[in-house]
N, C-alpha and C. Protein backbone atom coordinates (compact mmCIF):
# COMPACT_ATOMS: atom_id res chain seq x y z
N MET A 1 -26.60 -70.96 -146.92
CA MET A 1 -26.20 -69.97 -145.94
C MET A 1 -26.06 -68.59 -146.58
N LYS A 2 -25.60 -68.55 -147.84
CA LYS A 2 -25.43 -67.27 -148.52
C LYS A 2 -26.77 -66.62 -148.83
N LYS A 3 -27.81 -67.42 -148.92
CA LYS A 3 -29.13 -66.90 -149.24
C LYS A 3 -29.76 -66.16 -148.06
N LEU A 4 -29.34 -66.46 -146.86
CA LEU A 4 -29.94 -65.86 -145.68
C LEU A 4 -29.75 -64.34 -145.63
N PRO A 5 -28.55 -63.79 -145.83
CA PRO A 5 -28.41 -62.33 -145.83
C PRO A 5 -29.20 -61.67 -146.97
N PHE A 6 -29.21 -62.31 -148.13
CA PHE A 6 -29.96 -61.77 -149.26
C PHE A 6 -31.45 -61.72 -148.93
N LEU A 7 -31.96 -62.79 -148.36
CA LEU A 7 -33.37 -62.86 -147.98
C LEU A 7 -33.70 -61.81 -146.92
N ALA A 8 -32.80 -61.60 -145.98
CA ALA A 8 -33.02 -60.59 -144.94
C ALA A 8 -33.09 -59.20 -145.55
N ILE A 9 -32.23 -58.91 -146.50
CA ILE A 9 -32.24 -57.60 -147.16
C ILE A 9 -33.53 -57.40 -147.94
N VAL A 10 -33.97 -58.41 -148.66
CA VAL A 10 -35.22 -58.33 -149.41
C VAL A 10 -36.39 -58.07 -148.48
N LEU A 11 -36.45 -58.78 -147.37
CA LEU A 11 -37.54 -58.58 -146.41
C LEU A 11 -37.52 -57.18 -145.80
N ILE A 12 -36.36 -56.66 -145.51
CA ILE A 12 -36.26 -55.30 -144.96
C ILE A 12 -36.74 -54.28 -145.97
N VAL A 13 -36.32 -54.41 -147.22
CA VAL A 13 -36.74 -53.48 -148.27
C VAL A 13 -38.24 -53.53 -148.46
N LEU A 14 -38.81 -54.71 -148.52
CA LEU A 14 -40.25 -54.85 -148.69
C LEU A 14 -41.02 -54.27 -147.52
N SER A 15 -40.55 -54.50 -146.31
CA SER A 15 -41.26 -53.97 -145.15
C SER A 15 -41.19 -52.45 -145.11
N CYS A 16 -40.08 -51.87 -145.54
CA CYS A 16 -39.98 -50.41 -145.59
C CYS A 16 -40.94 -49.83 -146.60
N GLN A 17 -41.06 -50.47 -147.75
CA GLN A 17 -41.98 -49.97 -148.77
C GLN A 17 -43.42 -50.10 -148.32
N LEU A 18 -43.77 -51.19 -147.70
CA LEU A 18 -45.14 -51.37 -147.23
C LEU A 18 -45.46 -50.42 -146.09
N ALA A 19 -44.50 -50.13 -145.24
CA ALA A 19 -44.73 -49.23 -144.12
C ALA A 19 -44.95 -47.80 -144.58
N SER A 20 -44.32 -47.41 -145.69
CA SER A 20 -44.44 -46.02 -146.14
C SER A 20 -45.61 -45.80 -147.09
N ALA A 21 -46.24 -46.85 -147.56
CA ALA A 21 -47.36 -46.71 -148.50
C ALA A 21 -48.61 -46.25 -147.75
N GLN A 22 -49.29 -45.26 -148.33
CA GLN A 22 -50.51 -44.76 -147.73
C GLN A 22 -51.70 -45.45 -148.38
N LYS A 23 -52.69 -45.76 -147.57
CA LYS A 23 -53.89 -46.38 -148.09
C LYS A 23 -54.89 -45.28 -148.40
N LEU A 24 -55.33 -45.23 -149.65
CA LEU A 24 -56.31 -44.23 -150.08
C LEU A 24 -57.64 -44.91 -150.29
N THR A 25 -58.67 -44.34 -149.69
CA THR A 25 -60.04 -44.79 -149.95
C THR A 25 -60.88 -43.55 -150.24
N ILE A 26 -61.87 -43.72 -151.10
CA ILE A 26 -62.80 -42.64 -151.41
C ILE A 26 -64.19 -43.17 -151.13
N LYS A 27 -64.85 -42.56 -150.14
CA LYS A 27 -66.21 -42.96 -149.76
C LYS A 27 -67.06 -41.71 -149.60
N LYS A 28 -68.24 -41.75 -150.21
CA LYS A 28 -69.21 -40.65 -150.09
C LYS A 28 -68.56 -39.31 -150.39
N ASN A 29 -67.79 -39.26 -151.48
CA ASN A 29 -67.13 -38.04 -151.97
C ASN A 29 -66.10 -37.46 -151.01
N ILE A 30 -65.55 -38.28 -150.13
CA ILE A 30 -64.45 -37.84 -149.26
C ILE A 30 -63.29 -38.81 -149.46
N ALA A 31 -62.10 -38.23 -149.68
CA ALA A 31 -60.89 -39.03 -149.82
C ALA A 31 -60.25 -39.17 -148.44
N TYR A 32 -59.91 -40.40 -148.09
CA TYR A 32 -59.26 -40.70 -146.82
C TYR A 32 -57.88 -41.25 -147.10
N ILE A 33 -56.89 -40.77 -146.35
CA ILE A 33 -55.54 -41.31 -146.40
C ILE A 33 -55.30 -41.98 -145.06
N ASP A 34 -55.03 -43.26 -145.09
CA ASP A 34 -54.83 -44.05 -143.86
C ASP A 34 -55.96 -43.85 -142.86
N GLY A 35 -57.19 -43.76 -143.37
CA GLY A 35 -58.36 -43.64 -142.51
C GLY A 35 -58.68 -42.23 -142.04
N LYS A 36 -57.84 -41.26 -142.37
CA LYS A 36 -58.05 -39.88 -141.94
C LYS A 36 -58.57 -39.06 -143.12
N GLU A 37 -59.62 -38.25 -142.88
CA GLU A 37 -60.18 -37.42 -143.95
C GLU A 37 -59.10 -36.50 -144.51
N TYR A 38 -59.07 -36.42 -145.85
CA TYR A 38 -58.05 -35.60 -146.51
C TYR A 38 -58.68 -34.50 -147.35
N LEU A 39 -59.53 -34.84 -148.31
CA LEU A 39 -60.14 -33.87 -149.20
C LEU A 39 -61.56 -34.29 -149.55
N LYS A 40 -62.37 -33.31 -149.98
CA LYS A 40 -63.70 -33.60 -150.50
C LYS A 40 -63.61 -33.60 -152.02
N ILE A 41 -64.33 -34.53 -152.64
CA ILE A 41 -64.33 -34.65 -154.09
C ILE A 41 -65.76 -34.54 -154.57
N SER A 42 -66.01 -33.63 -155.52
CA SER A 42 -67.36 -33.54 -156.06
C SER A 42 -67.65 -34.79 -156.88
N ASP A 43 -68.90 -34.98 -157.24
CA ASP A 43 -69.29 -36.17 -157.99
C ASP A 43 -68.62 -36.12 -159.36
N CYS A 44 -67.58 -36.89 -159.52
CA CYS A 44 -66.78 -36.88 -160.75
C CYS A 44 -66.98 -38.18 -161.50
N GLY A 45 -68.21 -38.46 -161.84
CA GLY A 45 -68.49 -39.69 -162.58
C GLY A 45 -67.83 -39.69 -163.94
N GLN A 46 -67.91 -40.81 -164.60
CA GLN A 46 -67.22 -40.99 -165.88
C GLN A 46 -67.67 -39.97 -166.92
N PHE A 47 -68.92 -39.55 -166.87
CA PHE A 47 -69.43 -38.64 -167.89
C PHE A 47 -69.54 -37.20 -167.41
N ALA A 48 -69.04 -36.90 -166.22
CA ALA A 48 -69.07 -35.53 -165.71
C ALA A 48 -68.05 -34.70 -166.49
N GLU A 49 -68.49 -33.55 -166.99
CA GLU A 49 -67.56 -32.70 -167.74
C GLU A 49 -66.67 -31.90 -166.82
N GLU A 50 -67.17 -31.60 -165.64
CA GLU A 50 -66.38 -30.85 -164.67
C GLU A 50 -66.52 -31.51 -163.31
N CYS A 51 -65.48 -31.44 -162.54
CA CYS A 51 -65.57 -31.84 -161.14
C CYS A 51 -64.54 -31.02 -160.38
N SER A 52 -64.55 -31.16 -159.07
CA SER A 52 -63.65 -30.34 -158.27
C SER A 52 -63.19 -31.09 -157.03
N ILE A 53 -62.13 -30.56 -156.45
CA ILE A 53 -61.60 -31.06 -155.19
C ILE A 53 -61.60 -29.88 -154.23
N SER A 54 -62.14 -30.11 -153.04
CA SER A 54 -62.24 -29.06 -152.02
C SER A 54 -61.52 -29.51 -150.76
N ASN A 55 -61.19 -28.52 -149.92
CA ASN A 55 -60.66 -28.90 -148.62
C ASN A 55 -61.82 -29.36 -147.74
N LEU A 56 -61.55 -29.80 -146.55
CA LEU A 56 -62.60 -30.35 -145.69
C LEU A 56 -63.60 -29.30 -145.25
N ALA A 57 -63.22 -28.02 -145.31
CA ALA A 57 -64.14 -26.93 -144.97
C ALA A 57 -65.08 -26.61 -146.14
N GLY A 58 -64.82 -27.18 -147.32
CA GLY A 58 -65.68 -26.98 -148.48
C GLY A 58 -65.18 -25.95 -149.47
N LYS A 59 -64.02 -25.34 -149.23
CA LYS A 59 -63.47 -24.36 -150.18
C LYS A 59 -62.87 -25.11 -151.37
N GLU A 60 -63.32 -24.76 -152.58
CA GLU A 60 -62.84 -25.42 -153.79
C GLU A 60 -61.39 -25.04 -154.05
N LEU A 61 -60.53 -26.04 -154.10
CA LEU A 61 -59.10 -25.82 -154.34
C LEU A 61 -58.71 -26.09 -155.78
N ILE A 62 -59.32 -27.12 -156.37
CA ILE A 62 -58.92 -27.58 -157.69
C ILE A 62 -60.16 -27.86 -158.53
N SER A 63 -60.15 -27.34 -159.76
CA SER A 63 -61.21 -27.65 -160.72
C SER A 63 -60.62 -28.60 -161.76
N ILE A 64 -61.42 -29.57 -162.17
CA ILE A 64 -60.96 -30.55 -163.15
C ILE A 64 -61.94 -30.55 -164.30
N ASN A 65 -61.44 -30.23 -165.48
CA ASN A 65 -62.28 -30.17 -166.68
C ASN A 65 -61.86 -31.26 -167.65
N GLN A 66 -62.85 -31.99 -168.17
CA GLN A 66 -62.57 -32.99 -169.21
C GLN A 66 -62.45 -32.29 -170.54
N LEU A 67 -61.43 -32.62 -171.29
CA LEU A 67 -61.22 -32.05 -172.61
C LEU A 67 -61.09 -33.19 -173.61
N PRO A 68 -61.68 -33.04 -174.80
CA PRO A 68 -61.57 -34.12 -175.79
C PRO A 68 -60.16 -34.22 -176.35
N GLU A 69 -59.75 -35.42 -176.60
CA GLU A 69 -58.45 -35.66 -177.22
C GLU A 69 -58.61 -35.42 -178.71
N PRO A 70 -57.87 -34.49 -179.32
CA PRO A 70 -58.09 -34.17 -180.72
C PRO A 70 -57.67 -35.26 -181.71
N ASP A 71 -56.65 -36.03 -181.37
CA ASP A 71 -56.09 -36.99 -182.33
C ASP A 71 -56.62 -38.41 -182.20
N LYS A 72 -57.20 -38.74 -181.07
CA LYS A 72 -57.68 -40.11 -180.87
C LYS A 72 -58.85 -40.09 -179.90
N PRO A 73 -59.64 -41.15 -179.88
CA PRO A 73 -60.78 -41.18 -178.98
C PRO A 73 -60.33 -41.11 -177.52
N GLY A 74 -61.12 -40.46 -176.71
CA GLY A 74 -60.81 -40.36 -175.30
C GLY A 74 -60.72 -38.92 -174.85
N THR A 75 -60.36 -38.76 -173.61
CA THR A 75 -60.27 -37.42 -173.04
C THR A 75 -58.99 -37.29 -172.23
N TYR A 76 -58.66 -36.07 -171.94
CA TYR A 76 -57.62 -35.77 -170.97
C TYR A 76 -58.19 -34.70 -170.07
N PHE A 77 -57.49 -34.36 -169.03
CA PHE A 77 -58.04 -33.47 -168.03
C PHE A 77 -57.18 -32.24 -167.83
N GLU A 78 -57.86 -31.12 -167.65
CA GLU A 78 -57.20 -29.89 -167.27
C GLU A 78 -57.41 -29.74 -165.77
N VAL A 79 -56.34 -29.79 -165.02
CA VAL A 79 -56.38 -29.67 -163.56
C VAL A 79 -55.99 -28.24 -163.23
N VAL A 80 -56.96 -27.45 -162.73
CA VAL A 80 -56.75 -26.03 -162.47
C VAL A 80 -56.64 -25.81 -160.97
N PHE A 81 -55.53 -25.23 -160.53
CA PHE A 81 -55.32 -24.91 -159.13
C PHE A 81 -55.87 -23.51 -158.89
N ASN A 82 -57.05 -23.43 -158.30
CA ASN A 82 -57.76 -22.17 -158.13
C ASN A 82 -56.97 -21.18 -157.27
N GLY A 83 -56.94 -19.94 -157.72
CA GLY A 83 -56.26 -18.87 -157.00
C GLY A 83 -54.77 -18.78 -157.28
N LEU A 84 -54.22 -19.73 -158.01
CA LEU A 84 -52.78 -19.72 -158.29
C LEU A 84 -52.47 -19.50 -159.76
N ASN A 85 -53.51 -19.34 -160.59
CA ASN A 85 -53.32 -19.12 -162.02
C ASN A 85 -52.43 -20.21 -162.63
N THR A 86 -52.68 -21.45 -162.22
CA THR A 86 -51.87 -22.57 -162.66
C THR A 86 -52.77 -23.72 -163.09
N ALA A 87 -52.44 -24.33 -164.22
CA ALA A 87 -53.18 -25.49 -164.71
C ALA A 87 -52.21 -26.50 -165.30
N ILE A 88 -52.56 -27.76 -165.17
CA ILE A 88 -51.77 -28.85 -165.74
C ILE A 88 -52.74 -29.72 -166.54
N GLU A 89 -52.34 -30.13 -167.72
CA GLU A 89 -53.16 -31.02 -168.53
C GLU A 89 -52.52 -32.40 -168.50
N MET A 90 -53.31 -33.40 -168.13
CA MET A 90 -52.77 -34.76 -168.03
C MET A 90 -53.87 -35.80 -168.11
N ARG A 91 -53.47 -37.00 -168.42
CA ARG A 91 -54.37 -38.16 -168.38
C ARG A 91 -54.22 -38.77 -166.99
N ILE A 92 -55.28 -38.71 -166.21
CA ILE A 92 -55.24 -39.22 -164.84
C ILE A 92 -56.61 -39.75 -164.47
N ASN A 93 -56.67 -40.43 -163.34
CA ASN A 93 -57.96 -40.70 -162.74
C ASN A 93 -57.95 -40.06 -161.36
N MET A 94 -59.10 -39.98 -160.74
CA MET A 94 -59.21 -39.25 -159.48
C MET A 94 -58.34 -39.87 -158.39
N ARG A 95 -58.31 -41.17 -158.33
CA ARG A 95 -57.52 -41.84 -157.29
C ARG A 95 -56.04 -41.47 -157.43
N TYR A 96 -55.52 -41.51 -158.65
CA TYR A 96 -54.12 -41.16 -158.88
C TYR A 96 -53.87 -39.69 -158.54
N LEU A 97 -54.80 -38.82 -158.91
CA LEU A 97 -54.62 -37.39 -158.62
C LEU A 97 -54.57 -37.14 -157.13
N VAL A 98 -55.47 -37.74 -156.37
CA VAL A 98 -55.47 -37.53 -154.91
C VAL A 98 -54.18 -38.05 -154.30
N LYS A 99 -53.71 -39.22 -154.75
CA LYS A 99 -52.44 -39.74 -154.25
C LYS A 99 -51.29 -38.80 -154.58
N LEU A 100 -51.32 -38.24 -155.79
CA LEU A 100 -50.28 -37.32 -156.22
C LEU A 100 -50.30 -36.05 -155.37
N LEU A 101 -51.48 -35.52 -155.09
CA LEU A 101 -51.60 -34.33 -154.24
C LEU A 101 -51.02 -34.59 -152.86
N TYR A 102 -51.30 -35.77 -152.33
CA TYR A 102 -50.80 -36.12 -151.00
C TYR A 102 -49.28 -36.32 -151.03
N LYS A 103 -48.82 -37.09 -151.99
CA LYS A 103 -47.40 -37.40 -152.09
C LYS A 103 -46.55 -36.15 -152.28
N LYS A 104 -47.04 -35.21 -153.08
CA LYS A 104 -46.29 -33.99 -153.38
C LYS A 104 -46.59 -32.86 -152.39
N ASN A 105 -47.38 -33.16 -151.36
CA ASN A 105 -47.70 -32.19 -150.30
C ASN A 105 -48.27 -30.89 -150.88
N ILE A 106 -49.28 -31.01 -151.72
CA ILE A 106 -49.89 -29.86 -152.39
C ILE A 106 -50.84 -29.12 -151.47
N VAL A 107 -51.51 -29.84 -150.57
CA VAL A 107 -52.49 -29.23 -149.66
C VAL A 107 -51.90 -29.17 -148.26
N ALA A 108 -51.87 -27.95 -147.70
CA ALA A 108 -51.34 -27.74 -146.35
C ALA A 108 -52.31 -28.28 -145.30
N ALA A 109 -51.85 -28.37 -144.08
CA ALA A 109 -52.68 -28.87 -142.98
C ALA A 109 -53.90 -27.99 -142.75
N ASP A 110 -53.79 -26.69 -143.07
CA ASP A 110 -54.93 -25.78 -142.89
C ASP A 110 -55.92 -25.84 -144.06
N GLY A 111 -55.65 -26.68 -145.05
CA GLY A 111 -56.57 -26.85 -146.17
C GLY A 111 -56.32 -25.93 -147.34
N SER A 112 -55.23 -25.20 -147.34
CA SER A 112 -54.91 -24.31 -148.47
C SER A 112 -53.88 -24.97 -149.37
N LEU A 113 -53.78 -24.46 -150.59
CA LEU A 113 -52.77 -24.95 -151.52
C LEU A 113 -51.41 -24.37 -151.15
N ILE A 114 -50.36 -25.12 -151.34
CA ILE A 114 -48.99 -24.65 -151.10
C ILE A 114 -48.41 -24.27 -152.45
N PRO A 115 -48.33 -22.95 -152.75
CA PRO A 115 -47.92 -22.49 -154.09
C PRO A 115 -46.58 -23.06 -154.57
N GLU A 116 -45.59 -23.15 -153.69
CA GLU A 116 -44.28 -23.65 -154.10
C GLU A 116 -44.37 -25.10 -154.58
N ASN A 117 -45.18 -25.90 -153.88
CA ASN A 117 -45.30 -27.31 -154.25
C ASN A 117 -46.12 -27.48 -155.52
N VAL A 118 -47.11 -26.61 -155.74
CA VAL A 118 -47.87 -26.63 -156.99
C VAL A 118 -46.94 -26.31 -158.15
N LYS A 119 -46.07 -25.33 -157.95
CA LYS A 119 -45.12 -24.94 -158.99
C LYS A 119 -44.18 -26.10 -159.32
N LYS A 120 -43.70 -26.81 -158.29
CA LYS A 120 -42.83 -27.97 -158.52
C LYS A 120 -43.57 -29.07 -159.27
N LEU A 121 -44.84 -29.28 -158.91
CA LEU A 121 -45.64 -30.29 -159.58
C LEU A 121 -45.82 -29.95 -161.05
N LYS A 122 -46.09 -28.67 -161.32
CA LYS A 122 -46.26 -28.25 -162.72
C LYS A 122 -44.97 -28.47 -163.50
N GLU A 123 -43.84 -28.15 -162.91
CA GLU A 123 -42.55 -28.36 -163.58
C GLU A 123 -42.32 -29.85 -163.86
N GLU A 124 -42.67 -30.67 -162.89
CA GLU A 124 -42.46 -32.11 -163.04
C GLU A 124 -43.34 -32.71 -164.13
N TYR A 125 -44.55 -32.18 -164.28
CA TYR A 125 -45.50 -32.75 -165.23
C TYR A 125 -45.67 -31.90 -166.48
N LYS A 126 -44.79 -30.95 -166.72
CA LYS A 126 -44.96 -30.08 -167.89
C LYS A 126 -44.85 -30.83 -169.20
N TYR A 127 -44.16 -31.94 -169.22
CA TYR A 127 -44.02 -32.70 -170.46
C TYR A 127 -45.18 -33.66 -170.68
N MET A 128 -46.11 -33.72 -169.73
CA MET A 128 -47.29 -34.56 -169.91
C MET A 128 -48.42 -33.78 -170.56
N VAL A 129 -48.20 -32.48 -170.79
CA VAL A 129 -49.22 -31.65 -171.41
C VAL A 129 -49.48 -32.15 -172.82
N ILE A 130 -50.73 -32.23 -173.17
CA ILE A 130 -51.11 -32.69 -174.51
C ILE A 130 -51.44 -31.47 -175.34
N VAL A 131 -50.70 -31.23 -176.38
CA VAL A 131 -50.92 -30.08 -177.24
C VAL A 131 -51.66 -30.55 -178.48
N PRO A 132 -52.81 -29.92 -178.81
CA PRO A 132 -53.55 -30.32 -180.02
C PRO A 132 -52.68 -30.16 -181.26
N ALA A 133 -52.84 -31.08 -182.19
CA ALA A 133 -52.09 -31.02 -183.45
C ALA A 133 -52.57 -29.84 -184.27
N GLU A 134 -51.65 -29.21 -184.97
CA GLU A 134 -52.03 -28.09 -185.84
C GLU A 134 -52.73 -28.64 -187.08
N SER A 135 -53.72 -27.91 -187.53
CA SER A 135 -54.45 -28.36 -188.72
C SER A 135 -53.67 -27.98 -189.98
N ASP A 136 -53.94 -28.69 -191.05
CA ASP A 136 -53.26 -28.43 -192.32
C ASP A 136 -53.97 -27.38 -193.15
N ASP A 137 -55.01 -26.76 -192.63
CA ASP A 137 -55.79 -25.77 -193.40
C ASP A 137 -54.99 -24.56 -193.74
């Protein structure tokens, strides 16, 4: 009998989490959130040095540049918010980045960047910046 209230609480918590989760799909270079078009993504294949994210009207909002990792094999990305003079360096994949943009409300309904939210995102991820090691020369 004591397990019943506990089980009810667990079910409520799980249903709340599932109800609030957004489904992200990327098809034909368009990112969809819960089936609704959200952003356009340029062809950002594994070996693409540059790619971008645009609003649905085609205006480029974000440029993404691959940068080599100086200390170990691999790359990290410079995410540049065009027109805001703001960039963040992080290890991400496109799916995570699009989810992050949606979750942090970076793109307004009219397809423009929200400067205040970009600033908050930069503050939140400032410690993820990868700084190249200084040489001993």
